[in-house]
Structure formats: structure tokens, C-alpha cells
Amino acid sequence: MADKSLICNLCNGEMQLYTGPRYSKKAGFFLVIVGIFATLFWVGPVLGVPLFLMGLYMITSKRQLWVCKECNTAIERIELNPEETASVKKGTK
């Protein structure tokens, strides 16, 4: 389906694939800094390491959207497993 273009349901415009951040990078950096600070000065690894890891995940995670060029409508793109694709085509779940 990569070679087919999608058409927007609202305005019939062409949709393009957009890859962007899933979470706010500022919040991710904040959690990384707080995690480092907590590891060094407060309760150590109990609180600091999970905060640091959550911040790294928030900074690096991406999501894919289909965005209409005309009206800027966005639809999140999801990946289906082959088993899910077969059940969707059959109409069963």
C-alpha cells in the first residue's frame, strides 16, 4: 500500500505520511534531568532510574500520521499483524 496515496474523507485532498514525536521533548528532557538529579541527591535508584528511563523513552519515541495537504486533518497510522489483517479482510474478529 506504500505506492497508493490516501484520499481525505473531508475534503478529498491527498494525504501524506508524517513522522513526528509521540510525546513532548521538553517533558522528556525534564524527566531525564529530574531522574539524574534524584539519582545523585535524593532517593537514588528507586526514583531516579525509572524517571530517567521514562524521559529517554519520551525523547526517542516516534509516531506516524497521515496528514491531509489541504485541510490538515491527521489520522494516526497503525501497523497490523498478519493475523489481524486476515481477520479484518474476512470480517471476523
C-alpha atoms as a PDB file:
ATOM      1  CA  MET A   1       0.000   0.000   0.000  1.00  0.00           C
ATOM      2  CA  ALA A   2       3.036   2.256   0.130  1.00  0.00           C
ATOM      3  CA  ASP A   3       2.693   3.245  -3.533  1.00  0.00           C
ATOM      4  CA  LYS A   4      -1.009   4.205  -3.246  1.00  0.00           C
ATOM      5  CA  SER A   5      -1.934   7.662  -1.995  1.00  0.00           C
ATOM      6  CA  LEU A   6      -4.723   8.089   0.525  1.00  0.00           C
ATOM      7  CA  ILE A   7      -7.616  10.482  -0.033  1.00  0.00           C
ATOM      8  CA  CYS A   8      -9.024  12.629   2.784  1.00  0.00           C
ATOM      9  CA  ASN A   9     -12.655  11.884   3.695  1.00  0.00           C
ATOM     10  CA  LEU A  10     -13.416  15.520   4.496  1.00  0.00           C
ATOM     11  CA  CYS A  11     -12.036  17.457   1.515  1.00  0.00           C
ATOM     12  CA  ASN A  12     -10.916  14.732  -0.963  1.00  0.00           C
ATOM     13  CA  GLY A  13      -7.349  16.065  -0.802  1.00  0.00           C
ATOM     14  CA  GLU A  14      -4.234  13.924  -0.965  1.00  0.00           C
ATOM     15  CA  MET A  15      -2.768  12.725   2.328  1.00  0.00           C
ATOM     16  CA  GLN A  16       0.956  12.409   3.022  1.00  0.00           C
ATOM     17  CA  LEU A  17       2.867  10.418   5.629  1.00  0.00           C
ATOM     18  CA  TYR A  18       4.314  12.431   8.532  1.00  0.00           C
ATOM     19  CA  THR A  19       6.657  11.038  11.183  1.00  0.00           C
ATOM     20  CA  GLY A  20       6.992  13.096  14.333  1.00  0.00           C
ATOM     21  CA  PRO A  21       7.488  12.855  18.076  1.00  0.00           C
ATOM     22  CA  ARG A  22       4.924  10.932  20.124  1.00  0.00           C
ATOM     23  CA  TYR A  23       5.479  12.951  23.317  1.00  0.00           C
ATOM     24  CA  SER A  24       6.748  16.418  24.172  1.00  0.00           C
ATOM     25  CA  LYS A  25      10.551  16.515  24.020  1.00  0.00           C
ATOM     26  CA  LYS A  26      10.589  19.213  26.709  1.00  0.00           C
ATOM     27  CA  ALA A  27       8.788  16.907  29.140  1.00  0.00           C
ATOM     28  CA  GLY A  28      11.207  14.099  28.239  1.00  0.00           C
ATOM     29  CA  PHE A  29      14.253  16.279  28.886  1.00  0.00           C
ATOM     30  CA  PHE A  30      12.691  17.431  32.163  1.00  0.00           C
ATOM     31  CA  LEU A  31      12.242  13.815  33.302  1.00  0.00           C
ATOM     32  CA  VAL A  32      15.831  12.966  32.325  1.00  0.00           C
ATOM     33  CA  ILE A  33      17.182  15.925  34.342  1.00  0.00           C
ATOM     34  CA  VAL A  34      14.953  15.135  37.333  1.00  0.00           C
ATOM     35  CA  GLY A  35      15.973  11.464  37.125  1.00  0.00           C
ATOM     36  CA  ILE A  36      19.674  12.349  37.148  1.00  0.00           C
ATOM     37  CA  PHE A  37      19.154  14.812  39.994  1.00  0.00           C
ATOM     38  CA  ALA A  38      17.126  12.279  42.007  1.00  0.00           C
ATOM     39  CA  THR A  39      19.748   9.588  41.461  1.00  0.00           C
ATOM     40  CA  LEU A  40      22.546  11.838  42.675  1.00  0.00           C
ATOM     41  CA  PHE A  41      20.929  13.617  45.596  1.00  0.00           C
ATOM     42  CA  TRP A  42      17.613  12.162  46.801  1.00  0.00           C
ATOM     43  CA  VAL A  43      16.420   8.600  46.994  1.00  0.00           C
ATOM     44  CA  GLY A  44      18.793   7.217  44.414  1.00  0.00           C
ATOM     45  CA  PRO A  45      17.945   4.448  42.014  1.00  0.00           C
ATOM     46  CA  VAL A  46      14.454   3.813  43.401  1.00  0.00           C
ATOM     47  CA  LEU A  47      13.070   7.013  41.885  1.00  0.00           C
ATOM     48  CA  GLY A  48      15.839   8.372  39.662  1.00  0.00           C
ATOM     49  CA  VAL A  49      16.406   5.461  37.285  1.00  0.00           C
ATOM     50  CA  PRO A  50      12.711   4.984  36.343  1.00  0.00           C
ATOM     51  CA  LEU A  51      12.328   8.738  35.753  1.00  0.00           C
ATOM     52  CA  PHE A  52      15.480   8.766  33.625  1.00  0.00           C
ATOM     53  CA  LEU A  53      14.283   5.787  31.544  1.00  0.00           C
ATOM     54  CA  MET A  54      10.794   7.278  31.045  1.00  0.00           C
ATOM     55  CA  GLY A  55      12.393  10.532  29.896  1.00  0.00           C
ATOM     56  CA  LEU A  56      14.622   8.714  27.393  1.00  0.00           C
ATOM     57  CA  TYR A  57      11.600   6.850  26.035  1.00  0.00           C
ATOM     58  CA  MET A  58       9.639  10.091  25.668  1.00  0.00           C
ATOM     59  CA  ILE A  59      12.511  11.752  23.807  1.00  0.00           C
ATOM     60  CA  THR A  60      13.102   8.921  21.350  1.00  0.00           C
ATOM     61  CA  SER A  61       9.600   7.577  20.598  1.00  0.00           C
ATOM     62  CA  LYS A  62       8.048   8.464  17.232  1.00  0.00           C
ATOM     63  CA  ARG A  63       4.612   8.100  15.664  1.00  0.00           C
ATOM     64  CA  GLN A  64       3.384   8.105  12.109  1.00  0.00           C
ATOM     65  CA  LEU A  65       0.400  10.122  10.933  1.00  0.00           C
ATOM     66  CA  TRP A  66      -1.390  10.570   7.628  1.00  0.00           C
ATOM     67  CA  VAL A  67      -1.904  14.331   7.192  1.00  0.00           C
ATOM     68  CA  CYS A  68      -4.097  15.935   4.528  1.00  0.00           C
ATOM     69  CA  LYS A  69      -2.275  18.551   2.442  1.00  0.00           C
ATOM     70  CA  GLU A  70      -5.458  20.615   2.015  1.00  0.00           C
ATOM     71  CA  CYS A  71      -7.263  20.686   5.379  1.00  0.00           C
ATOM     72  CA  ASN A  72      -4.504  19.382   7.739  1.00  0.00           C
ATOM     73  CA  THR A  73      -6.660  16.540   9.065  1.00  0.00           C
ATOM     74  CA  ALA A  74      -4.456  13.953  10.790  1.00  0.00           C
ATOM     75  CA  ILE A  75      -5.078  10.214  11.130  1.00  0.00           C
ATOM     76  CA  GLU A  76      -2.746   8.025  13.186  1.00  0.00           C
ATOM     77  CA  ARG A  77      -1.181   5.177  11.249  1.00  0.00           C
ATOM     78  CA  ILE A  78      -1.133   1.786  12.937  1.00  0.00           C
ATOM     79  CA  GLU A  79       0.642  -1.416  11.952  1.00  0.00           C
ATOM     80  CA  LEU A  80      -1.454  -4.583  11.882  1.00  0.00           C
ATOM     81  CA  ASN A  81      -0.058  -8.060  12.454  1.00  0.00           C
ATOM     82  CA  PRO A  82      -0.631 -10.521   9.594  1.00  0.00           C
ATOM     83  CA  GLU A  83      -3.199 -12.391  11.741  1.00  0.00           C
ATOM     84  CA  GLU A  84      -5.137  -9.168  12.390  1.00  0.00           C
ATOM     85  CA  THR A  85      -5.047  -8.240   8.708  1.00  0.00           C
ATOM     86  CA  ALA A  86      -6.510 -11.617   7.735  1.00  0.00           C
ATOM     87  CA  SER A  87      -9.329 -11.327  10.287  1.00  0.00           C
ATOM     88  CA  VAL A  88     -10.153  -7.788   9.117  1.00  0.00           C
ATOM     89  CA  LYS A  89     -10.375  -8.953   5.493  1.00  0.00           C
ATOM     90  CA  LYS A  90     -12.660 -11.859   6.468  1.00  0.00           C
ATOM     91  CA  GLY A  91     -14.835  -9.620   8.593  1.00  0.00           C
ATOM     92  CA  THR A  92     -14.305 -11.651  11.754  1.00  0.00           C
ATOM     93  CA  LYS A  93     -12.521 -10.755  14.905  1.00  0.00           C
END
